[in-house]
């Protein structure tokens, strides 16, 4: 379980507008930290055209590395820390350019 890996993660139970159900999520925390059994993740959702203008959404096109089946978006406004026990199965991984885009989106969220 390392930064940039995509796992199916059980996000339930949720409250309000939090993303729910078991869905792909990207691990964001650094590999050099993390003795705790927790991971910082961002959920991945179906791509919508209007997400292109949303600064905290990062588009993810399917490829052999990430093993996604359709164009998706990483929602960096829904970042959370959760137990590794919620991680169901590894799906794939992303390259450094996607991680960099995630970091840029997080900078916008935390400005």
N, C-alpha and C. Protein backbone atom coordinates (compact mmCIF):
# COMPACT_ATOMS: atom_id res chain seq x y z
N UNK A 1 0.85 -1.17 0.00
CA UNK A 1 0.00 0.00 0.00
C UNK A 1 0.89 1.23 0.00
N UNK A 2 1.00 1.84 -1.18
CA UNK A 2 1.89 3.00 -1.25
C UNK A 2 1.24 4.14 -2.02
N UNK A 3 1.87 5.30 -1.91
CA UNK A 3 1.36 6.50 -2.57
C UNK A 3 1.19 6.24 -4.06
N UNK A 4 0.02 6.62 -4.56
CA UNK A 4 -0.28 6.44 -5.98
C UNK A 4 -1.02 5.16 -6.30
N UNK A 5 -1.09 4.25 -5.33
CA UNK A 5 -1.85 3.02 -5.56
C UNK A 5 -3.35 3.34 -5.55
N UNK A 6 -4.08 2.62 -6.36
CA UNK A 6 -5.54 2.72 -6.38
C UNK A 6 -6.10 1.43 -5.78
N UNK A 7 -6.94 1.58 -4.78
CA UNK A 7 -7.59 0.45 -4.12
C UNK A 7 -9.10 0.63 -4.16
N UNK A 8 -9.82 -0.47 -4.22
CA UNK A 8 -11.25 -0.43 -3.92
C UNK A 8 -11.34 -0.29 -2.41
N UNK A 9 -12.11 0.71 -1.96
CA UNK A 9 -12.20 1.00 -0.54
C UNK A 9 -13.67 1.14 -0.15
N UNK A 10 -14.01 0.53 0.96
CA UNK A 10 -15.37 0.63 1.49
C UNK A 10 -15.47 1.94 2.28
N UNK A 11 -16.19 2.92 1.74
CA UNK A 11 -16.32 4.23 2.37
C UNK A 11 -17.52 4.34 3.31
N UNK A 12 -18.34 3.29 3.37
CA UNK A 12 -19.52 3.34 4.25
C UNK A 12 -19.13 3.02 5.69
N UNK A 13 -19.81 3.55 6.67
CA UNK A 13 -20.95 4.45 6.58
C UNK A 13 -20.51 5.89 6.32
N UNK A 14 -21.39 6.66 5.72
CA UNK A 14 -21.12 8.07 5.43
C UNK A 14 -22.27 8.92 5.93
N UNK A 15 -22.03 10.23 5.93
CA UNK A 15 -23.05 11.20 6.35
C UNK A 15 -23.14 12.28 5.29
N UNK A 16 -24.34 12.74 4.99
CA UNK A 16 -24.55 13.88 4.09
C UNK A 16 -24.00 13.65 2.70
N UNK A 17 -23.17 14.59 2.23
CA UNK A 17 -22.66 14.57 0.86
C UNK A 17 -21.35 13.81 0.70
N UNK A 18 -20.89 13.12 1.74
CA UNK A 18 -19.67 12.34 1.62
C UNK A 18 -19.87 11.24 0.58
N UNK A 19 -18.81 10.96 -0.19
CA UNK A 19 -18.90 9.86 -1.16
C UNK A 19 -19.08 8.56 -0.40
N UNK A 20 -19.93 7.72 -0.96
CA UNK A 20 -20.26 6.48 -0.27
C UNK A 20 -19.98 5.26 -1.12
N UNK A 21 -20.23 4.12 -0.58
CA UNK A 21 -20.12 2.77 -1.14
C UNK A 21 -18.66 2.37 -1.34
N UNK A 22 -18.46 1.18 -1.86
CA UNK A 22 -17.11 0.71 -2.18
C UNK A 22 -16.76 1.23 -3.56
N UNK A 23 -15.66 1.97 -3.63
CA UNK A 23 -15.26 2.60 -4.89
C UNK A 23 -13.74 2.68 -4.95
N UNK A 24 -13.19 2.91 -6.15
CA UNK A 24 -11.74 3.10 -6.24
C UNK A 24 -11.33 4.41 -5.58
N UNK A 25 -10.19 4.38 -4.90
CA UNK A 25 -9.63 5.56 -4.25
C UNK A 25 -8.12 5.52 -4.44
N UNK A 26 -7.51 6.69 -4.44
CA UNK A 26 -6.06 6.78 -4.58
C UNK A 26 -5.44 7.07 -3.21
N UNK A 27 -4.34 6.39 -2.91
CA UNK A 27 -3.60 6.65 -1.68
C UNK A 27 -2.71 7.86 -1.91
N UNK A 28 -2.80 8.84 -1.00
CA UNK A 28 -2.08 10.10 -1.17
C UNK A 28 -0.91 10.28 -0.21
N UNK A 29 -0.96 9.64 0.96
CA UNK A 29 0.10 9.91 1.94
C UNK A 29 1.45 9.41 1.47
N UNK A 30 2.49 10.06 1.97
CA UNK A 30 3.86 9.73 1.61
C UNK A 30 4.21 8.32 2.08
N UNK A 31 5.07 7.66 1.33
CA UNK A 31 5.54 6.33 1.71
C UNK A 31 6.47 6.38 2.91
N UNK A 32 7.08 7.54 3.17
CA UNK A 32 8.07 7.65 4.24
C UNK A 32 7.45 7.84 5.62
N UNK A 33 6.16 8.04 5.66
CA UNK A 33 5.48 8.16 6.96
C UNK A 33 4.38 7.11 7.03
N UNK A 34 3.88 6.89 8.19
CA UNK A 34 2.72 6.02 8.26
C UNK A 34 2.91 4.74 9.04
N UNK A 35 3.39 4.84 10.25
CA UNK A 35 3.44 3.66 11.11
C UNK A 35 2.04 3.29 11.60
N UNK A 36 1.14 4.26 11.58
CA UNK A 36 -0.24 3.99 11.97
C UNK A 36 -0.94 3.18 10.89
N UNK A 37 -1.93 2.38 11.25
CA UNK A 37 -2.65 1.58 10.26
C UNK A 37 -3.72 2.41 9.54
N UNK A 38 -3.33 3.60 9.09
CA UNK A 38 -4.23 4.53 8.41
C UNK A 38 -3.64 4.93 7.07
N UNK A 39 -4.51 5.32 6.15
CA UNK A 39 -4.09 5.86 4.86
C UNK A 39 -4.89 7.13 4.59
N UNK A 40 -4.24 8.09 3.93
CA UNK A 40 -4.94 9.29 3.47
C UNK A 40 -5.29 9.03 2.01
N UNK A 41 -6.58 9.14 1.71
CA UNK A 41 -7.07 8.76 0.37
C UNK A 41 -7.95 9.86 -0.22
N UNK A 42 -8.14 9.77 -1.53
CA UNK A 42 -9.14 10.58 -2.23
C UNK A 42 -9.96 9.63 -3.08
N UNK A 43 -11.28 9.74 -3.01
CA UNK A 43 -12.13 8.85 -3.80
C UNK A 43 -12.13 9.20 -5.29
N UNK A 44 -12.39 8.20 -6.09
CA UNK A 44 -12.48 8.35 -7.54
C UNK A 44 -13.93 8.14 -7.94
N UNK A 45 -14.43 9.02 -8.80
CA UNK A 45 -15.83 8.97 -9.21
C UNK A 45 -15.94 9.04 -10.73
N UNK A 46 -17.12 8.80 -11.25
CA UNK A 46 -17.35 8.89 -12.70
C UNK A 46 -17.06 10.31 -13.18
N UNK A 47 -16.42 10.42 -14.34
CA UNK A 47 -16.12 11.72 -14.94
C UNK A 47 -17.39 12.39 -15.44
N UNK A 48 -17.48 13.68 -15.21
CA UNK A 48 -18.54 14.52 -15.77
C UNK A 48 -17.84 15.69 -16.45
N UNK A 49 -18.34 16.12 -17.60
CA UNK A 49 -17.70 17.17 -18.38
C UNK A 49 -17.44 18.43 -17.57
N UNK A 50 -18.39 18.82 -16.72
CA UNK A 50 -18.22 20.06 -15.96
C UNK A 50 -17.09 19.95 -14.92
N UNK A 51 -16.60 18.74 -14.63
CA UNK A 51 -15.47 18.59 -13.70
C UNK A 51 -14.19 19.20 -14.27
N UNK A 52 -14.12 19.37 -15.59
CA UNK A 52 -12.92 19.95 -16.20
C UNK A 52 -12.65 21.36 -15.67
N UNK A 53 -13.69 22.05 -15.22
CA UNK A 53 -13.52 23.42 -14.70
C UNK A 53 -13.50 23.47 -13.17
N UNK A 54 -13.54 22.32 -12.53
CA UNK A 54 -13.51 22.26 -11.06
C UNK A 54 -12.06 22.01 -10.64
N UNK A 55 -11.43 22.97 -9.93
CA UNK A 55 -10.00 22.88 -9.67
C UNK A 55 -9.55 21.74 -8.76
N UNK A 56 -10.46 21.15 -8.00
CA UNK A 56 -10.04 20.05 -7.11
C UNK A 56 -10.34 18.67 -7.69
N UNK A 57 -10.79 18.63 -8.94
CA UNK A 57 -11.05 17.36 -9.61
C UNK A 57 -9.92 17.08 -10.61
N UNK A 58 -9.32 15.92 -10.53
CA UNK A 58 -8.23 15.52 -11.43
C UNK A 58 -8.75 14.39 -12.32
N UNK A 59 -8.69 14.61 -13.63
CA UNK A 59 -9.17 13.61 -14.59
C UNK A 59 -8.20 12.45 -14.68
N UNK A 60 -8.76 11.26 -14.73
CA UNK A 60 -7.97 10.04 -14.79
C UNK A 60 -8.50 9.20 -15.95
N UNK A 61 -7.68 9.07 -16.99
CA UNK A 61 -8.07 8.27 -18.15
C UNK A 61 -7.65 6.82 -17.93
N UNK A 62 -8.49 5.87 -18.35
CA UNK A 62 -8.15 4.46 -18.13
C UNK A 62 -6.91 4.05 -18.91
N UNK A 63 -6.06 3.25 -18.26
CA UNK A 63 -4.89 2.69 -18.93
C UNK A 63 -4.48 1.39 -18.22
N UNK A 64 -3.42 0.78 -18.70
CA UNK A 64 -3.01 -0.51 -18.13
C UNK A 64 -2.39 -0.37 -16.74
N UNK A 65 -1.98 0.83 -16.36
CA UNK A 65 -1.44 1.04 -15.01
C UNK A 65 -2.56 1.14 -13.97
N UNK A 66 -3.57 1.98 -14.28
CA UNK A 66 -4.63 2.20 -13.28
C UNK A 66 -5.75 1.16 -13.36
N UNK A 67 -5.85 0.46 -14.48
CA UNK A 67 -6.85 -0.60 -14.67
C UNK A 67 -8.29 -0.14 -14.51
N UNK A 68 -8.54 1.15 -14.67
CA UNK A 68 -9.91 1.65 -14.63
C UNK A 68 -10.59 1.34 -15.96
N UNK A 69 -11.89 1.25 -15.95
CA UNK A 69 -12.64 0.87 -17.16
C UNK A 69 -13.18 2.07 -17.92
N UNK A 70 -13.22 3.24 -17.26
CA UNK A 70 -13.78 4.43 -17.91
C UNK A 70 -13.08 5.68 -17.38
N UNK A 71 -13.25 6.79 -18.10
CA UNK A 71 -12.69 8.06 -17.65
C UNK A 71 -13.31 8.40 -16.30
N UNK A 72 -12.46 8.79 -15.37
CA UNK A 72 -12.89 9.04 -14.00
C UNK A 72 -12.29 10.35 -13.50
N UNK A 73 -12.67 10.73 -12.30
CA UNK A 73 -12.13 11.94 -11.67
C UNK A 73 -11.78 11.64 -10.23
N UNK A 74 -10.62 12.13 -9.81
CA UNK A 74 -10.21 12.05 -8.41
C UNK A 74 -10.74 13.31 -7.74
N UNK A 75 -11.51 13.14 -6.68
CA UNK A 75 -12.11 14.27 -5.97
C UNK A 75 -11.26 14.63 -4.76
N UNK A 76 -10.41 15.65 -4.92
CA UNK A 76 -9.50 16.04 -3.85
C UNK A 76 -10.17 16.88 -2.77
N UNK A 77 -11.45 17.19 -2.94
CA UNK A 77 -12.18 17.88 -1.88
C UNK A 77 -12.73 16.88 -0.86
N UNK A 78 -12.68 15.60 -1.22
CA UNK A 78 -13.21 14.54 -0.34
C UNK A 78 -12.10 13.71 0.28
N UNK A 79 -10.92 14.31 0.43
CA UNK A 79 -9.78 13.62 1.05
C UNK A 79 -10.14 13.24 2.48
N UNK A 80 -9.71 12.05 2.88
CA UNK A 80 -9.93 11.63 4.27
C UNK A 80 -8.88 10.60 4.69
N UNK A 81 -8.75 10.46 5.98
CA UNK A 81 -7.89 9.43 6.56
C UNK A 81 -8.79 8.30 7.01
N UNK A 82 -8.38 7.06 6.71
CA UNK A 82 -9.19 5.93 7.13
C UNK A 82 -8.34 4.71 7.41
N UNK A 83 -8.94 3.76 8.08
CA UNK A 83 -8.26 2.53 8.46
C UNK A 83 -7.90 1.70 7.23
N UNK A 84 -6.73 1.09 7.28
CA UNK A 84 -6.33 0.19 6.20
C UNK A 84 -7.29 -0.99 6.07
N UNK A 85 -8.05 -1.27 7.11
CA UNK A 85 -9.01 -2.38 7.07
C UNK A 85 -10.14 -2.12 6.07
N UNK A 86 -10.31 -0.86 5.66
CA UNK A 86 -11.34 -0.53 4.66
C UNK A 86 -10.88 -0.85 3.24
N UNK A 87 -9.57 -1.04 3.04
CA UNK A 87 -9.05 -1.33 1.71
C UNK A 87 -9.41 -2.76 1.33
N UNK A 88 -10.14 -2.90 0.23
CA UNK A 88 -10.66 -4.20 -0.18
C UNK A 88 -9.71 -4.92 -1.12
N UNK A 89 -9.25 -4.22 -2.18
CA UNK A 89 -8.46 -4.87 -3.22
C UNK A 89 -7.71 -3.82 -4.03
N UNK A 90 -6.44 -4.11 -4.36
CA UNK A 90 -5.67 -3.20 -5.21
C UNK A 90 -6.18 -3.30 -6.65
N UNK A 91 -6.38 -2.11 -7.25
CA UNK A 91 -6.87 -2.03 -8.63
C UNK A 91 -5.74 -1.71 -9.58
N UNK A 92 -4.88 -0.75 -9.19
CA UNK A 92 -3.81 -0.31 -10.07
C UNK A 92 -2.98 0.76 -9.39
N UNK A 93 -2.36 1.60 -10.22
CA UNK A 93 -1.51 2.67 -9.72
C UNK A 93 -1.52 3.82 -10.72
N UNK A 94 -1.04 4.98 -10.29
CA UNK A 94 -0.92 6.13 -11.19
C UNK A 94 0.53 6.58 -11.25
N UNK A 95 0.86 7.29 -12.30
CA UNK A 95 2.21 7.81 -12.48
C UNK A 95 2.36 9.15 -11.75
N UNK A 96 3.59 9.62 -11.69
CA UNK A 96 3.92 10.83 -10.94
C UNK A 96 3.15 12.06 -11.42
N UNK A 97 2.86 12.16 -12.73
CA UNK A 97 2.14 13.34 -13.21
C UNK A 97 0.75 13.46 -12.59
N UNK A 98 0.09 12.34 -12.35
CA UNK A 98 -1.22 12.36 -11.70
C UNK A 98 -1.06 12.74 -10.23
N UNK A 99 -0.05 12.19 -9.56
CA UNK A 99 0.21 12.58 -8.16
C UNK A 99 0.50 14.07 -8.06
N UNK A 100 1.27 14.60 -9.00
CA UNK A 100 1.56 16.05 -9.00
C UNK A 100 0.29 16.86 -9.19
N UNK A 101 -0.59 16.41 -10.08
CA UNK A 101 -1.87 17.11 -10.29
C UNK A 101 -2.71 17.06 -9.02
N UNK A 102 -2.67 15.94 -8.31
CA UNK A 102 -3.39 15.82 -7.03
C UNK A 102 -2.83 16.80 -6.00
N UNK A 103 -1.52 16.91 -5.92
CA UNK A 103 -0.90 17.86 -4.98
C UNK A 103 -1.29 19.29 -5.31
N UNK A 104 -1.31 19.63 -6.59
CA UNK A 104 -1.73 20.98 -7.01
C UNK A 104 -3.18 21.24 -6.63
N UNK A 105 -4.04 20.26 -6.84
CA UNK A 105 -5.45 20.41 -6.48
C UNK A 105 -5.61 20.58 -4.97
N UNK A 106 -4.84 19.83 -4.20
CA UNK A 106 -4.89 19.97 -2.74
C UNK A 106 -4.42 21.35 -2.29
N UNK A 107 -3.42 21.90 -2.97
CA UNK A 107 -2.97 23.26 -2.65
C UNK A 107 -4.11 24.25 -2.84
N UNK A 108 -4.91 24.07 -3.88
CA UNK A 108 -6.06 24.96 -4.12
C UNK A 108 -7.09 24.79 -3.01
N UNK A 109 -7.36 23.55 -2.62
CA UNK A 109 -8.33 23.28 -1.56
C UNK A 109 -7.91 23.93 -0.24
N UNK A 110 -6.61 23.91 0.06
CA UNK A 110 -6.13 24.39 1.36
C UNK A 110 -5.66 25.84 1.35
N UNK A 111 -5.82 26.56 0.24
CA UNK A 111 -5.41 27.97 0.21
C UNK A 111 -6.21 28.79 1.18
